[in-house]
Amino acid sequence: MSDSPAALQSQSDREFCWELILRTRPNFSSSCLYTARETSARLVALYALFSSLEELFCRVTDEQVAQAKLVWWKTQLLGKEYTTSDHPVTRHLRQTEAITSASIGYVQNLLNSTGQRMDHGSVADETGLKELCVVVALDQMKLELSLDGAIPISPWAIENACAVVGLVQLLRESSRGVAPTYSWVPLTVLAQLGVNRSELAQNRDSEAVRKLISRLCAMGLNWLPAGSDVCKRPLLAPSLPGTTAARHWLIQLRLCVRLLQKLPGKTTSGASRIFSRTTAGDVWCAWRCARTLAR
């Protein structure tokens, strides 16, 4: 292995990206095992970007600071600064060519949808929540699948699968947040459970939180009734082969379904512990999904 300054810098950037990813999505270490080396390097860069944006919602308590950080990311990724930025994530995106001229539009959409989430109030009902969850995950999915130059996922799967992935991210953000308010939960759901937002924020381990998380997980699993079969070929467009990035995304989807199956009955603290680690069962789940997709 080369010990030139450039090689050492590249290794340092890669390690920084991995640390960032593992703070938010430790199960990435399981899904990433089943991708080609070149694609894996690009996925690390992209998921580090996704994690950086996710941190704006769970680690930054001042809304103006979060908005300023998002503006900074826009200048780093969409402006001329991209070619000279010395931020580890941006450097790794450049080195791996994870962002290309063909996919820069997806990056812009991702940053715009992140900004829209910051300005977004609470949704009205379960339909609105599902739409929000799709917004959370859709541009990430498109950017990831663009690594293969195509998006071989059927329209049905895009809406329903992205809703599941987006819900998991919202739950993860709330469990990791400094002050989890669950501000994105529809008032209709809170009313049905007989709880309010202040009750959720004041006690991370209340029975109200336990009921809410169980209800949200049930909703998410109903959006994708296939459950353990989400890794099967029908999620891929019939005319296109399963590609490397698409397979990785489907493995991540399967792991998200597994999380929704593990979270019911947990409080915010319990959910945080589940989100903060990967288990042997997660590794086994990823392996089985990868094996199915390889057939």
C-alpha atoms as a PDB file:
ATOM      1  CA  MET A   1       0.000   0.000   0.000  1.00  0.00           C
ATOM      2  CA  SER A   2       1.384   3.395  -0.948  1.00  0.00           C
ATOM      3  CA  ASP A   3       2.345   5.744   1.875  1.00  0.00           C
ATOM      4  CA  SER A   4       2.458   8.846  -0.331  1.00  0.00           C
ATOM      5  CA  PRO A   5       0.763  11.972   1.053  1.00  0.00           C
ATOM      6  CA  ALA A   6      -2.111  11.559  -1.420  1.00  0.00           C
ATOM      7  CA  ALA A   7      -2.663   7.930  -0.403  1.00  0.00           C
ATOM      8  CA  LEU A   8      -2.546   8.772   3.288  1.00  0.00           C
ATOM      9  CA  GLN A   9      -5.008  11.614   2.755  1.00  0.00           C
ATOM     10  CA  SER A  10      -7.343   9.298   0.865  1.00  0.00           C
ATOM     11  CA  GLN A  11      -7.191   6.724   3.646  1.00  0.00           C
ATOM     12  CA  SER A  12      -7.864   9.414   6.255  1.00  0.00           C
ATOM     13  CA  ASP A  13     -10.883  10.680   4.296  1.00  0.00           C
ATOM     14  CA  ARG A  14     -12.233   7.165   3.912  1.00  0.00           C
ATOM     15  CA  GLU A  15     -11.897   6.517   7.655  1.00  0.00           C
ATOM     16  CA  PHE A  16     -13.614   9.822   8.433  1.00  0.00           C
ATOM     17  CA  CYS A  17     -16.519   8.872   6.169  1.00  0.00           C
ATOM     18  CA  TRP A  18     -16.836   5.440   7.755  1.00  0.00           C
ATOM     19  CA  GLU A  19     -16.925   6.917  11.252  1.00  0.00           C
ATOM     20  CA  LEU A  20     -19.632   9.332  10.178  1.00  0.00           C
ATOM     21  CA  ILE A  21     -21.731   6.580   8.600  1.00  0.00           C
ATOM     22  CA  LEU A  22     -21.432   4.244  11.571  1.00  0.00           C
ATOM     23  CA  ARG A  23     -22.757   6.966  13.879  1.00  0.00           C
ATOM     24  CA  THR A  24     -26.035   7.026  11.952  1.00  0.00           C
ATOM     25  CA  ARG A  25     -26.345   3.761   9.986  1.00  0.00           C
ATOM     26  CA  PRO A  26     -24.176   1.008  11.487  1.00  0.00           C
ATOM     27  CA  ASN A  27     -25.970  -1.633   9.402  1.00  0.00           C
ATOM     28  CA  PHE A  28     -24.258  -0.132   6.341  1.00  0.00           C
ATOM     29  CA  SER A  29     -21.256  -2.230   7.339  1.00  0.00           C
ATOM     30  CA  SER A  30     -23.379  -5.328   6.616  1.00  0.00           C
ATOM     31  CA  SER A  31     -24.941  -4.242   3.316  1.00  0.00           C
ATOM     32  CA  CYS A  32     -21.681  -2.848   1.938  1.00  0.00           C
ATOM     33  CA  LEU A  33     -20.060  -6.282   2.097  1.00  0.00           C
ATOM     34  CA  TYR A  34     -21.956  -7.385  -1.001  1.00  0.00           C
ATOM     35  CA  THR A  35     -20.916  -4.696  -3.459  1.00  0.00           C
ATOM     36  CA  ALA A  36     -18.000  -4.482  -5.872  1.00  0.00           C
ATOM     37  CA  ARG A  37     -14.977  -2.578  -4.547  1.00  0.00           C
ATOM     38  CA  GLU A  38     -15.406   0.417  -6.853  1.00  0.00           C
ATOM     39  CA  THR A  39     -19.097   0.710  -6.087  1.00  0.00           C
ATOM     40  CA  SER A  40     -18.417   0.225  -2.380  1.00  0.00           C
ATOM     41  CA  ALA A  41     -15.992   3.162  -2.321  1.00  0.00           C
ATOM     42  CA  ARG A  42     -18.591   5.386  -3.984  1.00  0.00           C
ATOM     43  CA  LEU A  43     -21.303   4.220  -1.603  1.00  0.00           C
ATOM     44  CA  VAL A  44     -19.124   5.123   1.378  1.00  0.00           C
ATOM     45  CA  ALA A  45     -18.768   8.652   0.001  1.00  0.00           C
ATOM     46  CA  LEU A  46     -22.505   8.997  -0.686  1.00  0.00           C
ATOM     47  CA  TYR A  47     -23.609   7.572   2.642  1.00  0.00           C
ATOM     48  CA  ALA A  48     -21.209   9.902   4.439  1.00  0.00           C
ATOM     49  CA  LEU A  49     -23.003  12.763   2.702  1.00  0.00           C
ATOM     50  CA  PHE A  50     -26.398  11.328   3.682  1.00  0.00           C
ATOM     51  CA  SER A  51     -25.203  11.028   7.285  1.00  0.00           C
ATOM     52  CA  SER A  52     -23.907  14.603   7.283  1.00  0.00           C
ATOM     53  CA  LEU A  53     -27.323  15.877   6.223  1.00  0.00           C
ATOM     54  CA  GLU A  54     -29.104  13.627   8.723  1.00  0.00           C
ATOM     55  CA  GLU A  55     -27.027  15.130  11.528  1.00  0.00           C
ATOM     56  CA  LEU A  56     -28.642  18.503  10.787  1.00  0.00           C
ATOM     57  CA  PHE A  57     -31.918  17.120  12.130  1.00  0.00           C
ATOM     58  CA  CYS A  58     -30.713  15.272  15.227  1.00  0.00           C
ATOM     59  CA  ARG A  59     -27.545  17.033  16.389  1.00  0.00           C
ATOM     60  CA  VAL A  60     -28.161  20.708  15.580  1.00  0.00           C
ATOM     61  CA  THR A  61     -30.704  22.249  17.960  1.00  0.00           C
ATOM     62  CA  ASP A  62     -30.688  25.788  16.525  1.00  0.00           C
ATOM     63  CA  GLU A  63     -32.735  25.959  13.326  1.00  0.00           C
ATOM     64  CA  GLN A  64     -30.760  28.924  11.974  1.00  0.00           C
ATOM     65  CA  VAL A  65     -27.498  27.044  12.486  1.00  0.00           C
ATOM     66  CA  ALA A  66     -28.932  24.032  10.660  1.00  0.00           C
ATOM     67  CA  GLN A  67     -30.023  26.262   7.773  1.00  0.00           C
ATOM     68  CA  ALA A  68     -26.559  27.835   7.619  1.00  0.00           C
ATOM     69  CA  LYS A  69     -24.906  24.419   7.544  1.00  0.00           C
ATOM     70  CA  LEU A  70     -27.185  23.362   4.700  1.00  0.00           C
ATOM     71  CA  VAL A  71     -26.247  26.488   2.726  1.00  0.00           C
ATOM     72  CA  TRP A  72     -22.600  25.589   3.323  1.00  0.00           C
ATOM     73  CA  TRP A  73     -23.165  22.110   1.901  1.00  0.00           C
ATOM     74  CA  LYS A  74     -24.823  23.625  -1.151  1.00  0.00           C
ATOM     75  CA  THR A  75     -21.775  25.797  -1.830  1.00  0.00           C
ATOM     76  CA  GLN A  76     -19.464  22.833  -1.296  1.00  0.00           C
ATOM     77  CA  LEU A  77     -21.340  20.483  -3.632  1.00  0.00           C
ATOM     78  CA  LEU A  78     -23.003  22.694  -6.232  1.00  0.00           C
ATOM     79  CA  GLY A  79     -20.574  25.601  -6.586  1.00  0.00           C
ATOM     80  CA  LYS A  80     -17.046  25.972  -7.844  1.00  0.00           C
ATOM     81  CA  GLU A  81     -15.811  25.133  -4.329  1.00  0.00           C
ATOM     82  CA  TYR A  82     -16.481  21.456  -5.057  1.00  0.00           C
ATOM     83  CA  THR A  83     -13.244  21.073  -6.993  1.00  0.00           C
ATOM     84  CA  THR A  84     -11.118  22.626  -4.223  1.00  0.00           C
ATOM     85  CA  SER A  85     -12.968  21.792  -0.992  1.00  0.00           C
ATOM     86  CA  ASP A  86     -10.812  20.173   1.667  1.00  0.00           C
ATOM     87  CA  HIS A  87     -13.691  18.698   3.672  1.00  0.00           C
ATOM     88  CA  PRO A  88     -13.119  14.913   4.007  1.00  0.00           C
ATOM     89  CA  VAL A  89     -16.578  13.999   2.681  1.00  0.00           C
ATOM     90  CA  THR A  90     -16.307  16.309  -0.322  1.00  0.00           C
ATOM     91  CA  ARG A  91     -12.800  15.102  -1.073  1.00  0.00           C
ATOM     92  CA  HIS A  92     -13.938  11.476  -0.944  1.00  0.00           C
ATOM     93  CA  LEU A  93     -16.891  12.241  -3.215  1.00  0.00           C
ATOM     94  CA  ARG A  94     -14.449  13.777  -5.690  1.00  0.00           C
ATOM     95  CA  GLN A  95     -11.863  11.036  -5.493  1.00  0.00           C
ATOM     96  CA  THR A  96     -14.362   8.197  -5.959  1.00  0.00           C
ATOM     97  CA  GLU A  97     -16.340  10.128  -8.588  1.00  0.00           C
ATOM     98  CA  ALA A  98     -19.513   9.292  -6.687  1.00  0.00           C
ATOM     99  CA  ILE A  99     -21.074  12.469  -8.104  1.00  0.00           C
ATOM    100  CA  THR A 100     -21.001  12.978 -11.848  1.00  0.00           C
ATOM    101  CA  SER A 101     -22.429  15.479 -14.283  1.00  0.00           C
ATOM    102  CA  ALA A 102     -25.273  13.023 -14.861  1.00  0.00           C
ATOM    103  CA  SER A 103     -26.146  12.782 -11.164  1.00  0.00           C
ATOM    104  CA  ILE A 104     -25.550  16.358  -9.990  1.00  0.00           C
ATOM    105  CA  GLY A 105     -29.267  17.033 -10.458  1.00  0.00           C
ATOM    106  CA  TYR A 106     -30.038  14.373  -7.854  1.00  0.00           C
ATOM    107  CA  VAL A 107     -27.623  16.084  -5.452  1.00  0.00           C
ATOM    108  CA  GLN A 108     -29.395  19.395  -5.953  1.00  0.00           C
ATOM    109  CA  ASN A 109     -32.774  17.735  -5.395  1.00  0.00           C
ATOM    110  CA  LEU A 110     -31.464  16.073  -2.228  1.00  0.00           C
ATOM    111  CA  LEU A 111     -30.257  19.384  -0.796  1.00  0.00           C
ATOM    112  CA  ASN A 112     -33.484  21.125  -1.781  1.00  0.00           C
ATOM    113  CA  SER A 113     -35.660  18.446  -0.181  1.00  0.00           C
ATOM    114  CA  THR A 114     -33.518  18.667   2.962  1.00  0.00           C
ATOM    115  CA  GLY A 115     -34.254  22.386   3.099  1.00  0.00           C
ATOM    116  CA  GLN A 116     -37.946  21.765   2.546  1.00  0.00           C
ATOM    117  CA  ARG A 117     -37.980  19.397   5.500  1.00  0.00           C
ATOM    118  CA  MET A 118     -36.536  22.141   7.714  1.00  0.00           C
ATOM    119  CA  ASP A 119     -39.361  24.479   6.679  1.00  0.00           C
ATOM    120  CA  HIS A 120     -42.023  21.791   6.843  1.00  0.00           C
ATOM    121  CA  GLY A 121     -44.621  21.821   9.616  1.00  0.00           C
ATOM    122  CA  SER A 122     -46.352  18.762  10.979  1.00  0.00           C
ATOM    123  CA  VAL A 123     -48.278  16.664   8.483  1.00  0.00           C
ATOM    124  CA  ALA A 124     -52.055  16.340   8.653  1.00  0.00           C
ATOM    125  CA  ASP A 125     -52.596  12.606   8.592  1.00  0.00           C
ATOM    126  CA  GLU A 126     -51.119   9.210   7.758  1.00  0.00           C
ATOM    127  CA  THR A 127     -51.217   9.938   4.039  1.00  0.00           C
ATOM    128  CA  GLY A 128     -49.201  13.090   4.624  1.00  0.00           C
ATOM    129  CA  LEU A 129     -46.720  11.148   6.750  1.00  0.00           C
ATOM    130  CA  LYS A 130     -46.184   8.604   4.001  1.00  0.00           C
ATOM    131  CA  GLU A 131     -45.584  11.408   1.498  1.00  0.00           C
ATOM    132  CA  LEU A 132     -43.047  12.983   3.878  1.00  0.00           C
ATOM    133  CA  CYS A 133     -41.252   9.649   4.288  1.00  0.00           C
ATOM    134  CA  VAL A 134     -40.978   9.319   0.505  1.00  0.00           C
ATOM    135  CA  VAL A 135     -39.477  12.815   0.309  1.00  0.00           C
ATOM    136  CA  VAL A 136     -36.894  11.864   2.959  1.00  0.00           C
ATOM    137  CA  ALA A 137     -35.652   8.806   1.067  1.00  0.00           C
ATOM    138  CA  LEU A 138     -36.411   9.329  -2.630  1.00  0.00           C
ATOM    139  CA  ASP A 139     -33.499  11.561  -3.660  1.00  0.00           C
ATOM    140  CA  GLN A 140     -31.049   9.471  -1.668  1.00  0.00           C
ATOM    141  CA  MET A 141     -32.266   6.386  -3.511  1.00  0.00           C
ATOM    142  CA  LYS A 142     -31.985   8.052  -6.919  1.00  0.00           C
ATOM    143  CA  LEU A 143     -28.472   9.268  -6.179  1.00  0.00           C
ATOM    144  CA  GLU A 144     -27.389   5.834  -4.989  1.00  0.00           C
ATOM    145  CA  LEU A 145     -28.869   3.967  -7.945  1.00  0.00           C
ATOM    146  CA  SER A 146     -27.384   6.485 -10.384  1.00  0.00           C
ATOM    147  CA  LEU A 147     -24.019   4.878  -9.658  1.00  0.00           C
ATOM    148  CA  ASP A 148     -25.098   2.161 -12.094  1.00  0.00           C
ATOM    149  CA  GLY A 149     -26.362   4.660 -14.647  1.00  0.00           C
ATOM    150  CA  ALA A 150     -29.984   3.540 -14.295  1.00  0.00           C
ATOM    151  CA  ILE A 151     -32.783   3.259 -11.742  1.00  0.00           C
ATOM    152  CA  PRO A 152     -34.060  -0.319 -12.219  1.00  0.00           C
ATOM    153  CA  ILE A 153     -36.804  -0.083  -9.604  1.00  0.00           C
ATOM    154  CA  SER A 154     -40.490  -0.343 -10.456  1.00  0.00           C
ATOM    155  CA  PRO A 155     -42.733   2.712  -9.800  1.00  0.00           C
ATOM    156  CA  TRP A 156     -44.721   0.806  -7.180  1.00  0.00           C
ATOM    157  CA  ALA A 157     -41.573  -0.018  -5.260  1.00  0.00           C
ATOM    158  CA  ILE A 158     -40.222   3.529  -5.431  1.00  0.00           C
ATOM    159  CA  GLU A 159     -43.159   4.954  -3.483  1.00  0.00           C
ATOM    160  CA  ASN A 160     -43.699   2.176  -0.979  1.00  0.00           C
ATOM    161  CA  ALA A 161     -40.097   1.178  -0.373  1.00  0.00           C
ATOM    162  CA  CYS A 162     -38.925   4.780  -0.062  1.00  0.00           C
ATOM    163  CA  ALA A 163     -41.707   5.367   2.462  1.00  0.00           C
ATOM    164  CA  VAL A 164     -40.325   2.539   4.614  1.00  0.00           C
ATOM    165  CA  VAL A 165     -36.728   3.759   4.364  1.00  0.00           C
ATOM    166  CA  GLY A 166     -37.801   7.339   5.065  1.00  0.00           C
ATOM    167  CA  LEU A 167     -39.801   6.324   8.135  1.00  0.00           C
ATOM    168  CA  VAL A 168     -36.807   4.488   9.541  1.00  0.00           C
ATOM    169  CA  GLN A 169     -34.694   7.610   9.059  1.00  0.00           C
ATOM    170  CA  LEU A 170     -37.269   9.802  10.839  1.00  0.00           C
ATOM    171  CA  LEU A 171     -37.408   7.358  13.752  1.00  0.00           C
ATOM    172  CA  ARG A 172     -33.615   7.223  13.851  1.00  0.00           C
ATOM    173  CA  GLU A 173     -33.330  11.022  13.883  1.00  0.00           C
ATOM    174  CA  SER A 174     -35.827  11.300  16.726  1.00  0.00           C
ATOM    175  CA  SER A 175     -34.116   8.600  18.785  1.00  0.00           C
ATOM    176  CA  ARG A 176     -30.708  10.266  18.344  1.00  0.00           C
ATOM    177  CA  GLY A 177     -31.966  13.818  18.750  1.00  0.00           C
ATOM    178  CA  VAL A 178     -30.864  16.012  21.616  1.00  0.00           C
ATOM    179  CA  ALA A 179     -34.528  16.855  22.270  1.00  0.00           C
ATOM    180  CA  PRO A 180     -36.750  14.288  20.497  1.00  0.00           C
ATOM    181  CA  THR A 181     -40.078  15.979  19.810  1.00  0.00           C
ATOM    182  CA  TYR A 182     -41.465  13.701  17.096  1.00  0.00           C
ATOM    183  CA  SER A 183     -42.661  16.911  15.459  1.00  0.00           C
ATOM    184  CA  TRP A 184     -43.231  15.060  12.187  1.00  0.00           C
ATOM    185  CA  VAL A 185     -45.878  12.707  13.620  1.00  0.00           C
ATOM    186  CA  PRO A 186     -49.417  13.562  12.412  1.00  0.00           C
ATOM    187  CA  LEU A 187     -51.779  15.008  14.991  1.00  0.00           C
ATOM    188  CA  THR A 188     -54.345  12.388  13.980  1.00  0.00           C
ATOM    189  CA  VAL A 189     -51.983   9.610  15.107  1.00  0.00           C
ATOM    190  CA  LEU A 190     -51.268  11.381  18.405  1.00  0.00           C
ATOM    191  CA  ALA A 191     -54.995  11.849  18.970  1.00  0.00           C
ATOM    192  CA  GLN A 192     -55.725   8.186  18.303  1.00  0.00           C
ATOM    193  CA  LEU A 193     -53.125   7.220  20.901  1.00  0.00           C
ATOM    194  CA  GLY A 194     -54.215   9.899  23.361  1.00  0.00           C
ATOM    195  CA  VAL A 195     -50.765  11.509  23.636  1.00  0.00           C
ATOM    196  CA  ASN A 196     -49.297  14.949  22.908  1.00  0.00           C
ATOM    197  CA  ARG A 197     -45.920  16.198  21.704  1.00  0.00           C
ATOM    198  CA  SER A 198     -44.870  17.709  25.021  1.00  0.00           C
ATOM    199  CA  GLU A 199     -45.432  14.369  26.728  1.00  0.00           C
ATOM    200  CA  LEU A 200     -43.197  12.691  24.160  1.00  0.00           C
ATOM    201  CA  ALA A 201     -40.450  15.293  24.566  1.00  0.00           C
ATOM    202  CA  GLN A 202     -40.464  15.341  28.370  1.00  0.00           C
ATOM    203  CA  ASN A 203     -39.985  11.625  28.906  1.00  0.00           C
ATOM    204  CA  ARG A 204     -37.976   9.568  26.419  1.00  0.00           C
ATOM    205  CA  ASP A 205     -39.063   6.341  28.111  1.00  0.00           C
ATOM    206  CA  SER A 206     -42.759   6.943  28.697  1.00  0.00           C
ATOM    207  CA  GLU A 207     -45.496   4.494  27.820  1.00  0.00           C
ATOM    208  CA  ALA A 208     -46.757   7.101  25.333  1.00  0.00           C
ATOM    209  CA  VAL A 209     -43.498   6.859  23.377  1.00  0.00           C
ATOM    210  CA  ARG A 210     -43.688   3.079  23.451  1.00  0.00           C
ATOM    211  CA  LYS A 211     -47.192   3.130  21.986  1.00  0.00           C
ATOM    212  CA  LEU A 212     -46.232   5.681  19.345  1.00  0.00           C
ATOM    213  CA  ILE A 213     -43.197   3.780  18.085  1.00  0.00           C
ATOM    214  CA  SER A 214     -45.207   0.555  17.905  1.00  0.00           C
ATOM    215  CA  ARG A 215     -47.955   2.284  15.930  1.00  0.00           C
ATOM    216  CA  LEU A 216     -45.511   3.906  13.491  1.00  0.00           C
ATOM    217  CA  CYS A 217     -43.730   0.611  12.873  1.00  0.00           C
ATOM    218  CA  ALA A 218     -47.037  -1.111  12.123  1.00  0.00           C
ATOM    219  CA  MET A 219     -47.886   1.657   9.651  1.00  0.00           C
ATOM    220  CA  GLY A 220     -44.523   1.308   7.909  1.00  0.00           C
ATOM    221  CA  LEU A 221     -44.777  -2.465   7.590  1.00  0.00           C
ATOM    222  CA  ASN A 222     -48.244  -2.086   6.073  1.00  0.00           C
ATOM    223  CA  TRP A 223     -46.811   0.199   3.398  1.00  0.00           C
ATOM    224  CA  LEU A 224     -44.682  -2.694   2.176  1.00  0.00           C
ATOM    225  CA  PRO A 225     -46.648  -5.876   2.881  1.00  0.00           C
ATOM    226  CA  ALA A 226     -43.989  -8.037   1.229  1.00  0.00           C
ATOM    227  CA  GLY A 227     -42.089  -7.981   4.530  1.00  0.00           C
ATOM    228  CA  SER A 228     -39.275 -10.492   4.380  1.00  0.00           C
ATOM    229  CA  ASP A 229     -39.693 -10.801   0.603  1.00  0.00           C
ATOM    230  CA  VAL A 230     -38.587  -7.231  -0.189  1.00  0.00           C
ATOM    231  CA  CYS A 231     -35.314  -8.493  -1.617  1.00  0.00           C
ATOM    232  CA  LYS A 232     -37.051 -10.460  -4.370  1.00  0.00           C
ATOM    233  CA  ARG A 233     -36.740  -9.595  -8.055  1.00  0.00           C
ATOM    234  CA  PRO A 234     -40.228  -8.051  -8.542  1.00  0.00           C
ATOM    235  CA  LEU A 235     -38.911  -4.869  -6.957  1.00  0.00           C
ATOM    236  CA  LEU A 236     -36.596  -4.543  -9.937  1.00  0.00           C
ATOM    237  CA  ALA A 237     -37.969  -3.406 -13.272  1.00  0.00           C
ATOM    238  CA  PRO A 238     -38.528  -6.591 -15.338  1.00  0.00           C
ATOM    239  CA  SER A 239     -36.520  -5.320 -18.308  1.00  0.00           C
ATOM    240  CA  LEU A 240     -33.376  -4.428 -16.352  1.00  0.00           C
ATOM    241  CA  PRO A 241     -30.944  -6.707 -14.526  1.00  0.00           C
ATOM    242  CA  GLY A 242     -30.244  -6.237 -10.846  1.00  0.00           C
ATOM    243  CA  THR A 243     -27.230  -3.947 -10.694  1.00  0.00           C
ATOM    244  CA  THR A 244     -24.671  -3.550  -7.952  1.00  0.00           C
ATOM    245  CA  ALA A 245     -26.042  -0.334  -6.470  1.00  0.00           C
ATOM    246  CA  ALA A 246     -29.625  -1.566  -6.809  1.00  0.00           C
ATOM    247  CA  ARG A 247     -28.761  -4.755  -4.939  1.00  0.00           C
ATOM    248  CA  HIS A 248     -27.154  -2.736  -2.153  1.00  0.00           C
ATOM    249  CA  TRP A 249     -30.212  -0.507  -1.875  1.00  0.00           C
ATOM    250  CA  LEU A 250     -32.497  -3.534  -1.678  1.00  0.00           C
ATOM    251  CA  ILE A 251     -30.355  -5.024   1.085  1.00  0.00           C
ATOM    252  CA  GLN A 252     -30.602  -1.717   2.951  1.00  0.00           C
ATOM    253  CA  LEU A 253     -34.364  -1.824   2.433  1.00  0.00           C
ATOM    254  CA  ARG A 254     -34.503  -5.327   3.915  1.00  0.00           C
ATOM    255  CA  LEU A 255     -32.517  -4.138   6.925  1.00  0.00           C
ATOM    256  CA  CYS A 256     -34.947  -1.241   7.351  1.00  0.00           C
ATOM    257  CA  VAL A 257     -37.847  -3.707   7.391  1.00  0.00           C
ATOM    258  CA  ARG A 258     -35.957  -5.693  10.017  1.00  0.00           C
ATOM    259  CA  LEU A 259     -35.621  -2.541  12.131  1.00  0.00           C
ATOM    260  CA  LEU A 260     -39.363  -1.901  11.946  1.00  0.00           C
ATOM    261  CA  GLN A 261     -39.857  -5.461  13.140  1.00  0.00           C
ATOM    262  CA  LYS A 262     -37.465  -4.965  16.075  1.00  0.00           C
ATOM    263  CA  LEU A 263     -38.604  -1.526  17.297  1.00  0.00           C
ATOM    264  CA  PRO A 264     -42.216  -2.165  18.472  1.00  0.00           C
ATOM    265  CA  GLY A 265     -42.490  -1.938  22.246  1.00  0.00           C
ATOM    266  CA  LYS A 266     -39.315   0.139  22.528  1.00  0.00           C
ATOM    267  CA  THR A 267     -39.016   3.628  23.997  1.00  0.00           C
ATOM    268  CA  THR A 268     -36.858   6.394  22.534  1.00  0.00           C
ATOM    269  CA  SER A 269     -33.861   5.177  24.547  1.00  0.00           C
ATOM    270  CA  GLY A 270     -34.478   1.594  23.473  1.00  0.00           C
ATOM    271  CA  ALA A 271     -34.791   2.623  19.841  1.00  0.00           C
ATOM    272  CA  SER A 272     -31.570   4.603  20.120  1.00  0.00           C
ATOM    273  CA  ARG A 273     -29.725   1.503  21.312  1.00  0.00           C
ATOM    274  CA  ILE A 274     -31.086  -0.546  18.401  1.00  0.00           C
ATOM    275  CA  PHE A 275     -30.120   2.124  15.876  1.00  0.00           C
ATOM    276  CA  SER A 276     -26.621   2.500  17.327  1.00  0.00           C
ATOM    277  CA  ARG A 277     -25.370  -1.005  16.648  1.00  0.00           C
ATOM    278  CA  THR A 278     -25.487  -3.854  14.192  1.00  0.00           C
ATOM    279  CA  THR A 279     -25.983  -7.432  15.301  1.00  0.00           C
ATOM    280  CA  ALA A 280     -25.115 -10.892  14.058  1.00  0.00           C
ATOM    281  CA  GLY A 281     -28.751 -11.194  13.038  1.00  0.00           C
ATOM    282  CA  ASP A 282     -28.396  -8.105  10.835  1.00  0.00           C
ATOM    283  CA  VAL A 283     -25.332  -9.586   9.155  1.00  0.00           C
ATOM    284  CA  TRP A 284     -27.208 -12.850   8.577  1.00  0.00           C
ATOM    285  CA  CYS A 285     -30.204 -10.952   7.192  1.00  0.00           C
ATOM    286  CA  ALA A 286     -27.995  -9.014   4.756  1.00  0.00           C
ATOM    287  CA  TRP A 287     -26.261 -12.225   3.643  1.00  0.00           C
ATOM    288  CA  ARG A 288     -29.549 -13.999   2.990  1.00  0.00           C
ATOM    289  CA  CYS A 289     -30.880 -11.048   1.022  1.00  0.00           C
ATOM    290  CA  ALA A 290     -27.684 -10.807  -1.052  1.00  0.00           C
ATOM    291  CA  ARG A 291     -27.819 -14.549  -1.704  1.00  0.00           C
ATOM    292  CA  THR A 292     -31.423 -14.315  -2.891  1.00  0.00           C
ATOM    293  CA  LEU A 293     -30.643 -11.432  -5.224  1.00  0.00           C
ATOM    294  CA  ALA A 294     -27.680 -13.299  -6.685  1.00  0.00           C
ATOM    295  CA  ARG A 295     -29.809 -16.217  -7.856  1.00  0.00           C
END
